[in-house]
PDB file of N, CA and C in Angstrom:
ATOM      1  N   UNK A   1    -105.203  73.960 -37.808  1.00  0.00           N
ATOM      2  CA  UNK A   1    -105.851  73.679 -36.584  1.00  0.00           C
ATOM      3  C   UNK A   1    -105.534  74.861 -35.626  1.00  0.00           C
ATOM      4  N   UNK A   2    -106.525  75.472 -35.040  1.00  0.00           N
ATOM      5  CA  UNK A   2    -106.356  76.602 -34.240  1.00  0.00           C
ATOM      6  C   UNK A   2    -106.226  76.149 -32.748  1.00  0.00           C
ATOM      7  N   UNK A   3    -106.065  77.112 -31.867  1.00  0.00           N
ATOM      8  CA  UNK A   3    -105.849  76.847 -30.465  1.00  0.00           C
ATOM      9  C   UNK A   3    -107.056  76.093 -29.809  1.00  0.00           C
ATOM     10  N   UNK A   4    -108.286  76.542 -30.080  1.00  0.00           N
ATOM     11  CA  UNK A   4    -109.451  75.889 -29.476  1.00  0.00           C
ATOM     12  C   UNK A   4    -109.548  74.455 -29.890  1.00  0.00           C
ATOM     13  N   UNK A   5    -109.236  74.110 -31.172  1.00  0.00           N
ATOM     14  CA  UNK A   5    -109.293  72.745 -31.654  1.00  0.00           C
ATOM     15  C   UNK A   5    -108.276  71.893 -30.866  1.00  0.00           C
ATOM     16  N   UNK A   6    -107.088  72.462 -30.669  1.00  0.00           N
ATOM     17  CA  UNK A   6    -106.062  71.743 -29.923  1.00  0.00           C
ATOM     18  C   UNK A   6    -106.484  71.449 -28.488  1.00  0.00           C
ATOM     19  N   UNK A   7    -107.061  72.414 -27.819  1.00  0.00           N
ATOM     20  CA  UNK A   7    -107.480  72.266 -26.498  1.00  0.00           C
ATOM     21  C   UNK A   7    -108.605  71.216 -26.403  1.00  0.00           C
ATOM     22  N   UNK A   8    -109.540  71.247 -27.343  1.00  0.00           N
ATOM     23  CA  UNK A   8    -110.647  70.251 -27.380  1.00  0.00           C
ATOM     24  C   UNK A   8    -110.116  68.856 -27.616  1.00  0.00           C
ATOM     25  N   UNK A   9    -109.118  68.723 -28.431  1.00  0.00           N
ATOM     26  CA  UNK A   9    -108.509  67.389 -28.718  1.00  0.00           C
ATOM     27  C   UNK A   9    -107.876  66.881 -27.482  1.00  0.00           C
ATOM     28  N   UNK A  10    -107.119  67.744 -26.706  1.00  0.00           N
ATOM     29  CA  UNK A  10    -106.421  67.262 -25.494  1.00  0.00           C
ATOM     30  C   UNK A  10    -107.467  66.897 -24.409  1.00  0.00           C
ATOM     31  N   UNK A  11    -108.535  67.671 -24.332  1.00  0.00           N
ATOM     32  CA  UNK A  11    -109.571  67.385 -23.296  1.00  0.00           C
ATOM     33  C   UNK A  11    -110.299  66.044 -23.652  1.00  0.00           C
ATOM     34  N   UNK A  12    -110.566  65.771 -24.912  1.00  0.00           N
ATOM     35  CA  UNK A  12    -111.161  64.501 -25.321  1.00  0.00           C
ATOM     36  C   UNK A  12    -110.277  63.384 -24.982  1.00  0.00           C
ATOM     37  N   UNK A  13    -108.968  63.490 -25.129  1.00  0.00           N
ATOM     38  CA  UNK A  13    -108.032  62.432 -24.849  1.00  0.00           C
ATOM     39  C   UNK A  13    -108.000  62.199 -23.343  1.00  0.00           C
ATOM     40  N   UNK A  14    -108.113  63.254 -22.571  1.00  0.00           N
ATOM     41  CA  UNK A  14    -108.066  63.042 -21.095  1.00  0.00           C
ATOM     42  C   UNK A  14    -109.345  62.403 -20.591  1.00  0.00           C
ATOM     43  N   UNK A  15    -110.506  62.854 -20.998  1.00  0.00           N
ATOM     44  CA  UNK A  15    -111.809  62.401 -20.594  1.00  0.00           C
ATOM     45  C   UNK A  15    -112.285  61.339 -21.580  1.00  0.00           C
ATOM     46  N   UNK A  16    -111.461  60.398 -21.926  1.00  0.00           N
ATOM     47  CA  UNK A  16    -111.762  59.382 -22.843  1.00  0.00           C
ATOM     48  C   UNK A  16    -112.760  58.386 -22.291  1.00  0.00           C
ATOM     49  N   UNK A  17    -113.637  57.893 -23.137  1.00  0.00           N
ATOM     50  CA  UNK A  17    -114.488  56.776 -22.769  1.00  0.00           C
ATOM     51  C   UNK A  17    -113.790  55.504 -23.088  1.00  0.00           C
ATOM     52  N   UNK A  18    -113.987  54.535 -22.298  1.00  0.00           N
ATOM     53  CA  UNK A  18    -113.378  53.180 -22.540  1.00  0.00           C
ATOM     54  C   UNK A  18    -114.347  52.121 -22.113  1.00  0.00           C
ATOM     55  N   UNK A  19    -113.995  50.931 -22.377  1.00  0.00           N
ATOM     56  CA  UNK A  19    -114.923  49.759 -21.999  1.00  0.00           C
ATOM     57  C   UNK A  19    -114.203  48.979 -20.913  1.00  0.00           C
ATOM     58  N   UNK A  20    -114.933  48.731 -19.840  1.00  0.00           N
ATOM     59  CA  UNK A  20    -114.460  47.911 -18.773  1.00  0.00           C
ATOM     60  C   UNK A  20    -115.508  46.823 -18.433  1.00  0.00           C
ATOM     61  N   UNK A  21    -115.170  45.556 -18.743  1.00  0.00           N
ATOM     62  CA  UNK A  21    -116.089  44.439 -18.567  1.00  0.00           C
ATOM     63  C   UNK A  21    -117.464  44.685 -19.234  1.00  0.00           C
ATOM     64  N   UNK A  22    -117.357  45.162 -20.476  1.00  0.00           N
ATOM     65  CA  UNK A  22    -118.605  45.308 -21.271  1.00  0.00           C
ATOM     66  C   UNK A  22    -119.384  46.582 -20.998  1.00  0.00           C
ATOM     67  N   UNK A  23    -118.868  47.493 -20.120  1.00  0.00           N
ATOM     68  CA  UNK A  23    -119.595  48.730 -19.855  1.00  0.00           C
ATOM     69  C   UNK A  23    -118.705  49.903 -20.317  1.00  0.00           C
ATOM     70  N   UNK A  24    -119.343  50.934 -20.742  1.00  0.00           N
ATOM     71  CA  UNK A  24    -118.661  52.184 -21.042  1.00  0.00           C
ATOM     72  C   UNK A  24    -118.376  52.951 -19.754  1.00  0.00           C
ATOM     73  N   UNK A  25    -117.131  53.336 -19.583  1.00  0.00           N
ATOM     74  CA  UNK A  25    -116.758  54.130 -18.399  1.00  0.00           C
ATOM     75  C   UNK A  25    -115.843  55.309 -18.793  1.00  0.00           C
ATOM     76  N   UNK A  26    -115.886  56.311 -17.921  1.00  0.00           N
ATOM     77  CA  UNK A  26    -115.004  57.477 -18.133  1.00  0.00           C
ATOM     78  C   UNK A  26    -113.658  57.238 -17.458  1.00  0.00           C
ATOM     79  N   UNK A  27    -112.641  57.510 -18.180  1.00  0.00           N
ATOM     80  CA  UNK A  27    -111.300  57.348 -17.603  1.00  0.00           C
ATOM     81  C   UNK A  27    -110.817  58.550 -16.775  1.00  0.00           C
ATOM     82  N   UNK A  28    -110.044  58.335 -15.746  1.00  0.00           N
ATOM     83  CA  UNK A  28    -109.434  59.337 -14.940  1.00  0.00           C
ATOM     84  C   UNK A  28    -110.445  60.312 -14.237  1.00  0.00           C
ATOM     85  N   UNK A  29    -111.617  59.752 -13.884  1.00  0.00           N
ATOM     86  CA  UNK A  29    -112.659  60.573 -13.211  1.00  0.00           C
ATOM     87  C   UNK A  29    -113.074  59.875 -11.922  1.00  0.00           C
ATOM     88  N   UNK A  30    -112.573  60.304 -10.756  1.00  0.00           N
ATOM     89  CA  UNK A  30    -112.930  59.624  -9.568  1.00  0.00           C
ATOM     90  C   UNK A  30    -114.455  59.787  -9.279  1.00  0.00           C
ATOM     91  N   UNK A  31    -115.006  58.669  -8.739  1.00  0.00           N
ATOM     92  CA  UNK A  31    -116.444  58.647  -8.443  1.00  0.00           C
ATOM     93  C   UNK A  31    -116.676  57.874  -7.191  1.00  0.00           C
ATOM     94  N   UNK A  32    -117.876  57.888  -6.619  1.00  0.00           N
ATOM     95  CA  UNK A  32    -118.186  57.069  -5.448  1.00  0.00           C
ATOM     96  C   UNK A  32    -118.033  55.589  -5.766  1.00  0.00           C
ATOM     97  N   UNK A  33    -117.440  54.870  -4.819  1.00  0.00           N
ATOM     98  CA  UNK A  33    -117.103  53.497  -5.095  1.00  0.00           C
ATOM     99  C   UNK A  33    -118.160  52.504  -4.632  1.00  0.00           C
ATOM    100  N   UNK A  34    -117.934  51.276  -4.945  1.00  0.00           N
ATOM    101  CA  UNK A  34    -118.864  50.183  -4.443  1.00  0.00           C
ATOM    102  C   UNK A  34    -118.151  49.391  -3.426  1.00  0.00           C
ATOM    103  N   UNK A  35    -116.880  49.055  -3.579  1.00  0.00           N
ATOM    104  CA  UNK A  35    -116.147  48.242  -2.624  1.00  0.00           C
ATOM    105  C   UNK A  35    -115.451  49.199  -1.612  1.00  0.00           C
ATOM    106  N   UNK A  36    -114.856  50.298  -2.015  1.00  0.00           N
ATOM    107  CA  UNK A  36    -114.211  51.245  -1.203  1.00  0.00           C
ATOM    108  C   UNK A  36    -114.996  52.525  -1.300  1.00  0.00           C
ATOM    109  N   UNK A  37    -114.463  53.611  -0.691  1.00  0.00           N
ATOM    110  CA  UNK A  37    -115.219  54.917  -0.715  1.00  0.00           C
ATOM    111  C   UNK A  37    -115.187  55.521  -2.089  1.00  0.00           C
ATOM    112  N   UNK A  38    -114.137  55.345  -2.804  1.00  0.00           N
ATOM    113  CA  UNK A  38    -113.989  55.949  -4.201  1.00  0.00           C
ATOM    114  C   UNK A  38    -113.491  54.883  -5.148  1.00  0.00           C
ATOM    115  N   UNK A  39    -113.705  55.136  -6.426  1.00  0.00           N
ATOM    116  CA  UNK A  39    -113.121  54.322  -7.505  1.00  0.00           C
ATOM    117  C   UNK A  39    -112.894  55.227  -8.710  1.00  0.00           C
ATOM    118  N   UNK A  40    -111.877  54.754  -9.501  1.00  0.00           N
ATOM    119  CA  UNK A  40    -111.565  55.428 -10.703  1.00  0.00           C
ATOM    120  C   UNK A  40    -111.086  54.425 -11.769  1.00  0.00           C
ATOM    121  N   UNK A  41    -111.455  54.646 -13.005  1.00  0.00           N
ATOM    122  CA  UNK A  41    -110.994  53.760 -14.078  1.00  0.00           C
ATOM    123  C   UNK A  41    -109.899  54.436 -14.813  1.00  0.00           C
ATOM    124  N   UNK A  42    -108.778  53.701 -14.966  1.00  0.00           N
ATOM    125  CA  UNK A  42    -107.579  54.187 -15.616  1.00  0.00           C
ATOM    126  C   UNK A  42    -107.103  53.197 -16.669  1.00  0.00           C
ATOM    127  N   UNK A  43    -106.346  53.690 -17.655  1.00  0.00           N
ATOM    128  CA  UNK A  43    -105.719  52.831 -18.631  1.00  0.00           C
ATOM    129  C   UNK A  43    -104.324  52.523 -18.215  1.00  0.00           C
ATOM    130  N   UNK A  44    -104.037  51.294 -18.090  1.00  0.00           N
ATOM    131  CA  UNK A  44    -102.695  50.850 -17.695  1.00  0.00           C
ATOM    132  C   UNK A  44    -101.703  50.999 -18.863  1.00  0.00           C
ATOM    133  N   UNK A  45    -100.667  51.802 -18.752  1.00  0.00           N
ATOM    134  CA  UNK A  45     -99.751  52.072 -19.932  1.00  0.00           C
ATOM    135  C   UNK A  45     -98.956  50.821 -20.268  1.00  0.00           C
ATOM    136  N   UNK A  46     -98.673  49.936 -19.301  1.00  0.00           N
ATOM    137  CA  UNK A  46     -97.942  48.761 -19.629  1.00  0.00           C
ATOM    138  C   UNK A  46     -98.712  47.751 -20.484  1.00  0.00           C
ATOM    139  N   UNK A  47     -99.978  47.473 -20.162  1.00  0.00           N
ATOM    140  CA  UNK A  47    -100.782  46.467 -20.813  1.00  0.00           C
ATOM    141  C   UNK A  47    -101.753  47.078 -21.811  1.00  0.00           C
ATOM    142  N   UNK A  48    -102.138  48.363 -21.613  1.00  0.00           N
ATOM    143  CA  UNK A  48    -103.120  48.946 -22.478  1.00  0.00           C
ATOM    144  C   UNK A  48    -104.574  48.616 -22.092  1.00  0.00           C
ATOM    145  N   UNK A  49    -104.741  47.864 -20.969  1.00  0.00           N
ATOM    146  CA  UNK A  49    -106.047  47.527 -20.508  1.00  0.00           C
ATOM    147  C   UNK A  49    -106.539  48.543 -19.555  1.00  0.00           C
ATOM    148  N   UNK A  50    -107.896  48.595 -19.386  1.00  0.00           N
ATOM    149  CA  UNK A  50    -108.525  49.507 -18.394  1.00  0.00           C
ATOM    150  C   UNK A  50    -108.584  48.831 -17.073  1.00  0.00           C
ATOM    151  N   UNK A  51    -108.159  49.540 -15.996  1.00  0.00           N
ATOM    152  CA  UNK A  51    -108.148  48.961 -14.699  1.00  0.00           C
ATOM    153  C   UNK A  51    -109.088  49.845 -13.801  1.00  0.00           C
ATOM    154  N   UNK A  52    -109.710  49.149 -12.789  1.00  0.00           N
ATOM    155  CA  UNK A  52    -110.518  49.869 -11.790  1.00  0.00           C
ATOM    156  C   UNK A  52    -109.588  49.979 -10.551  1.00  0.00           C
ATOM    157  N   UNK A  53    -109.421  51.200 -10.093  1.00  0.00           N
ATOM    158  CA  UNK A  53    -108.611  51.476  -8.882  1.00  0.00           C
ATOM    159  C   UNK A  53    -109.595  51.918  -7.758  1.00  0.00           C
ATOM    160  N   UNK A  54    -109.633  51.138  -6.699  1.00  0.00           N
ATOM    161  CA  UNK A  54    -110.442  51.457  -5.505  1.00  0.00           C
ATOM    162  C   UNK A  54    -109.552  52.122  -4.481  1.00  0.00           C
ATOM    163  N   UNK A  55    -110.027  53.178  -3.846  1.00  0.00           N
ATOM    164  CA  UNK A  55    -109.258  53.839  -2.811  1.00  0.00           C
ATOM    165  C   UNK A  55    -110.142  54.515  -1.778  1.00  0.00           C
ATOM    166  N   UNK A  56    -109.601  54.818  -0.676  1.00  0.00           N
ATOM    167  CA  UNK A  56    -110.343  55.422   0.412  1.00  0.00           C
ATOM    168  C   UNK A  56    -110.720  54.392   1.434  1.00  0.00           C
ATOM    169  N   UNK A  57    -111.454  54.812   2.465  1.00  0.00           N
ATOM    170  CA  UNK A  57    -111.863  53.948   3.588  1.00  0.00           C
ATOM    171  C   UNK A  57    -112.846  52.946   3.079  1.00  0.00           C
ATOM    172  N   UNK A  58    -112.649  51.693   3.368  1.00  0.00           N
ATOM    173  CA  UNK A  58    -113.519  50.574   2.813  1.00  0.00           C
ATOM    174  C   UNK A  58    -114.451  50.051   3.871  1.00  0.00           C
ATOM    175  N   UNK A  59    -115.165  48.994   3.454  1.00  0.00           N
ATOM    176  CA  UNK A  59    -116.126  48.353   4.358  1.00  0.00           C
ATOM    177  C   UNK A  59    -117.497  48.958   4.254  1.00  0.00           C
ATOM    178  N   UNK A  60    -118.366  48.394   5.152  1.00  0.00           N
ATOM    179  CA  UNK A  60    -119.740  48.904   5.121  1.00  0.00           C
ATOM    180  C   UNK A  60    -119.821  50.336   5.575  1.00  0.00           C
ATOM    181  N   UNK A  61    -118.873  50.768   6.465  1.00  0.00           N
ATOM    182  CA  UNK A  61    -118.938  52.154   6.924  1.00  0.00           C
ATOM    183  C   UNK A  61    -118.528  53.160   5.908  1.00  0.00           C
ATOM    184  N   UNK A  62    -118.065  52.729   4.758  1.00  0.00           N
ATOM    185  CA  UNK A  62    -117.694  53.642   3.684  1.00  0.00           C
ATOM    186  C   UNK A  62    -118.885  54.354   3.129  1.00  0.00           C
ATOM    187  N   UNK A  63    -120.021  53.698   3.268  1.00  0.00           N
ATOM    188  CA  UNK A  63    -121.249  54.308   2.739  1.00  0.00           C
ATOM    189  C   UNK A  63    -121.855  55.341   3.691  1.00  0.00           C
ATOM    190  N   UNK A  64    -121.513  55.218   4.978  1.00  0.00           N
ATOM    191  CA  UNK A  64    -121.969  56.183   5.967  1.00  0.00           C
ATOM    192  C   UNK A  64    -120.880  57.189   6.292  1.00  0.00           C
ATOM    193  N   UNK A  65    -121.077  58.150   7.167  1.00  0.00           N
ATOM    194  CA  UNK A  65    -120.141  59.159   7.461  1.00  0.00           C
ATOM    195  C   UNK A  65    -119.285  58.831   8.725  1.00  0.00           C
ATOM    196  N   UNK A  66    -118.719  57.613   8.744  1.00  0.00           N
ATOM    197  CA  UNK A  66    -117.884  57.275   9.950  1.00  0.00           C
ATOM    198  C   UNK A  66    -116.454  57.755   9.779  1.00  0.00           C
ATOM    199  N   UNK A  67    -115.867  57.641   8.579  1.00  0.00           N
ATOM    200  CA  UNK A  67    -114.499  58.134   8.343  1.00  0.00           C
ATOM    201  C   UNK A  67    -114.613  59.366   7.450  1.00  0.00           C
ATOM    202  N   UNK A  68    -114.424  60.526   8.068  1.00  0.00           N
ATOM    203  CA  UNK A  68    -114.443  61.763   7.335  1.00  0.00           C
ATOM    204  C   UNK A  68    -113.109  62.187   6.853  1.00  0.00           C
ATOM    205  N   UNK A  69    -113.027  62.823   5.742  1.00  0.00           N
ATOM    206  CA  UNK A  69    -111.781  63.396   5.296  1.00  0.00           C
ATOM    207  C   UNK A  69    -111.800  64.828   5.847  1.00  0.00           C
ATOM    208  N   UNK A  70    -110.862  65.092   6.713  1.00  0.00           N
ATOM    209  CA  UNK A  70    -110.774  66.495   7.365  1.00  0.00           C
ATOM    210  C   UNK A  70    -109.644  67.210   6.709  1.00  0.00           C
ATOM    211  N   UNK A  71    -109.671  67.384   5.407  1.00  0.00           N
ATOM    212  CA  UNK A  71    -108.586  68.039   4.738  1.00  0.00           C
ATOM    213  C   UNK A  71    -108.558  69.530   4.956  1.00  0.00           C
ATOM    214  N   UNK A  72    -109.558  70.124   5.553  1.00  0.00           N
ATOM    215  CA  UNK A  72    -109.532  71.541   5.774  1.00  0.00           C
ATOM    216  C   UNK A  72    -108.712  71.888   7.041  1.00  0.00           C
ATOM    217  N   UNK A  73    -108.294  70.873   7.789  1.00  0.00           N
ATOM    218  CA  UNK A  73    -107.419  71.062   8.933  1.00  0.00           C
ATOM    219  C   UNK A  73    -105.979  70.946   8.471  1.00  0.00           C
ATOM    220  N   UNK A  74    -105.202  72.015   8.514  1.00  0.00           N
ATOM    221  CA  UNK A  74    -103.826  71.976   7.924  1.00  0.00           C
ATOM    222  C   UNK A  74    -102.930  70.968   8.581  1.00  0.00           C
ATOM    223  N   UNK A  75    -103.001  70.740   9.861  1.00  0.00           N
ATOM    224  CA  UNK A  75    -102.152  69.812  10.514  1.00  0.00           C
ATOM    225  C   UNK A  75    -102.464  68.375  10.077  1.00  0.00           C
ATOM    226  N   UNK A  76    -103.734  68.024   9.962  1.00  0.00           N
ATOM    227  CA  UNK A  76    -104.117  66.692   9.465  1.00  0.00           C
ATOM    228  C   UNK A  76    -103.726  66.509   8.014  1.00  0.00           C
ATOM    229  N   UNK A  77    -103.904  67.496   7.269  1.00  0.00           N
ATOM    230  CA  UNK A  77    -103.511  67.442   5.804  1.00  0.00           C
ATOM    231  C   UNK A  77    -102.021  67.208   5.643  1.00  0.00           C
ATOM    232  N   UNK A  78    -101.197  67.961   6.435  1.00  0.00           N
ATOM    233  CA  UNK A  78     -99.745  67.854   6.373  1.00  0.00           C
ATOM    234  C   UNK A  78     -99.356  66.417   6.808  1.00  0.00           C
ATOM    235  N   UNK A  79     -99.977  65.900   7.857  1.00  0.00           N
ATOM    236  CA  UNK A  79     -99.646  64.616   8.387  1.00  0.00           C
ATOM    237  C   UNK A  79    -100.016  63.513   7.383  1.00  0.00           C
ATOM    238  N   UNK A  80    -101.174  63.626   6.742  1.00  0.00           N
ATOM    239  CA  UNK A  80    -101.631  62.628   5.730  1.00  0.00           C
ATOM    240  C   UNK A  80    -100.584  62.615   4.553  1.00  0.00           C
ATOM    241  N   UNK A  81    -100.309  63.796   4.045  1.00  0.00           N
ATOM    242  CA  UNK A  81     -99.399  63.874   2.911  1.00  0.00           C
ATOM    243  C   UNK A  81     -97.996  63.374   3.202  1.00  0.00           C
ATOM    244  N   UNK A  82     -97.532  63.591   4.485  1.00  0.00           N
ATOM    245  CA  UNK A  82     -96.232  63.063   4.845  1.00  0.00           C
ATOM    246  C   UNK A  82     -96.263  61.510   5.010  1.00  0.00           C
ATOM    247  N   UNK A  83     -97.353  61.018   5.631  1.00  0.00           N
ATOM    248  CA  UNK A  83     -97.496  59.558   5.895  1.00  0.00           C
ATOM    249  C   UNK A  83     -97.538  58.781   4.583  1.00  0.00           C
ATOM    250  N   UNK A  84     -98.177  59.414   3.539  1.00  0.00           N
ATOM    251  CA  UNK A  84     -98.401  58.679   2.258  1.00  0.00           C
ATOM    252  C   UNK A  84     -97.424  59.068   1.220  1.00  0.00           C
ATOM    253  N   UNK A  85     -96.452  59.915   1.570  1.00  0.00           N
ATOM    254  CA  UNK A  85     -95.384  60.326   0.616  1.00  0.00           C
ATOM    255  C   UNK A  85     -96.042  60.950  -0.644  1.00  0.00           C
ATOM    256  N   UNK A  86     -96.873  61.956  -0.418  1.00  0.00           N
ATOM    257  CA  UNK A  86     -97.611  62.533  -1.561  1.00  0.00           C
ATOM    258  C   UNK A  86     -96.754  63.410  -2.471  1.00  0.00           C
ATOM    259  N   UNK A  87     -95.570  63.701  -2.025  1.00  0.00           N
ATOM    260  CA  UNK A  87     -94.656  64.534  -2.960  1.00  0.00           C
ATOM    261  C   UNK A  87     -94.257  63.633  -4.164  1.00  0.00           C
ATOM    262  N   UNK A  88     -94.259  62.312  -3.967  1.00  0.00           N
ATOM    263  CA  UNK A  88     -93.976  61.410  -5.093  1.00  0.00           C
ATOM    264  C   UNK A  88     -95.076  60.299  -5.116  1.00  0.00           C
ATOM    265  N   UNK A  89     -96.227  60.594  -5.699  1.00  0.00           N
ATOM    266  CA  UNK A  89     -97.389  59.741  -5.620  1.00  0.00           C
ATOM    267  C   UNK A  89     -97.308  58.468  -6.400  1.00  0.00           C
ATOM    268  N   UNK A  90     -96.439  58.355  -7.353  1.00  0.00           N
ATOM    269  CA  UNK A  90     -96.351  57.115  -8.137  1.00  0.00           C
ATOM    270  C   UNK A  90     -97.292  57.110  -9.334  1.00  0.00           C
ATOM    271  N   UNK A  91     -97.516  55.948  -9.987  1.00  0.00           N
ATOM    272  CA  UNK A  91     -98.309  55.899 -11.164  1.00  0.00           C
ATOM    273  C   UNK A  91     -99.827  56.026 -10.916  1.00  0.00           C
ATOM    274  N   UNK A  92    -100.599  56.351 -11.977  1.00  0.00           N
ATOM    275  CA  UNK A  92    -102.008  56.560 -11.883  1.00  0.00           C
ATOM    276  C   UNK A  92    -102.773  55.225 -11.605  1.00  0.00           C
ATOM    277  N   UNK A  93    -102.056  54.145 -11.794  1.00  0.00           N
ATOM    278  CA  UNK A  93    -102.760  52.836 -11.624  1.00  0.00           C
ATOM    279  C   UNK A  93    -102.719  52.393 -10.137  1.00  0.00           C
ATOM    280  N   UNK A  94    -102.186  53.212  -9.248  1.00  0.00           N
ATOM    281  CA  UNK A  94    -102.093  52.869  -7.819  1.00  0.00           C
ATOM    282  C   UNK A  94    -103.100  53.790  -7.050  1.00  0.00           C
ATOM    283  N   UNK A  95    -103.614  53.243  -5.967  1.00  0.00           N
ATOM    284  CA  UNK A  95    -104.536  53.932  -5.115  1.00  0.00           C
ATOM    285  C   UNK A  95    -103.878  55.194  -4.449  1.00  0.00           C
ATOM    286  N   UNK A  96    -102.602  55.054  -4.155  1.00  0.00           N
ATOM    287  CA  UNK A  96    -101.941  56.193  -3.506  1.00  0.00           C
ATOM    288  C   UNK A  96    -101.951  57.482  -4.329  1.00  0.00           C
ATOM    289  N   UNK A  97    -101.827  57.303  -5.611  1.00  0.00           N
ATOM    290  CA  UNK A  97    -101.846  58.484  -6.525  1.00  0.00           C
ATOM    291  C   UNK A  97    -103.173  59.215  -6.360  1.00  0.00           C
ATOM    292  N   UNK A  98    -104.279  58.491  -6.404  1.00  0.00           N
ATOM    293  CA  UNK A  98    -105.609  59.083  -6.375  1.00  0.00           C
ATOM    294  C   UNK A  98    -105.867  59.602  -5.018  1.00  0.00           C
ATOM    295  N   UNK A  99    -105.521  58.900  -3.911  1.00  0.00           N
ATOM    296  CA  UNK A  99    -105.737  59.332  -2.590  1.00  0.00           C
ATOM    297  C   UNK A  99    -104.988  60.671  -2.326  1.00  0.00           C
ATOM    298  N   UNK A 100    -103.726  60.732  -2.718  1.00  0.00           N
ATOM    299  CA  UNK A 100    -102.989  61.940  -2.551  1.00  0.00           C
ATOM    300  C   UNK A 100    -103.566  63.084  -3.393  1.00  0.00           C
ATOM    301  N   UNK A 101    -104.129  62.812  -4.541  1.00  0.00           N
ATOM    302  CA  UNK A 101    -104.760  63.820  -5.357  1.00  0.00           C
ATOM    303  C   UNK A 101    -105.955  64.411  -4.727  1.00  0.00           C
ATOM    304  N   UNK A 102    -106.676  63.572  -4.012  1.00  0.00           N
ATOM    305  CA  UNK A 102    -107.900  64.039  -3.234  1.00  0.00           C
ATOM    306  C   UNK A 102    -107.496  64.950  -2.157  1.00  0.00           C
ATOM    307  N   UNK A 103    -106.303  64.734  -1.560  1.00  0.00           N
ATOM    308  CA  UNK A 103    -105.853  65.501  -0.427  1.00  0.00           C
ATOM    309  C   UNK A 103    -105.014  66.703  -0.923  1.00  0.00           C
TER     310      UNK A 103
END
């Protein structure tokens, strides 16, 4: 097995397809949400089941531009990351991990 085969195997494992409630979904790929602003499907290491993690600003205004992410402003970015303890984001199955990753 050469280097390219190894890289391809690793990438396939990361961008794995899984089944969530009878539908094929991509794991670990944030997308626009339905309940909250974003959603991502992850595999729970404890149970082995696929979970949907919703994160971001929720409600009907999540579909419009009422809550903007202003991560280009360094002071706001620093404040957000301190408030949410982004130096230690926790497991992938929690919204804080994905929210911190966006910021």
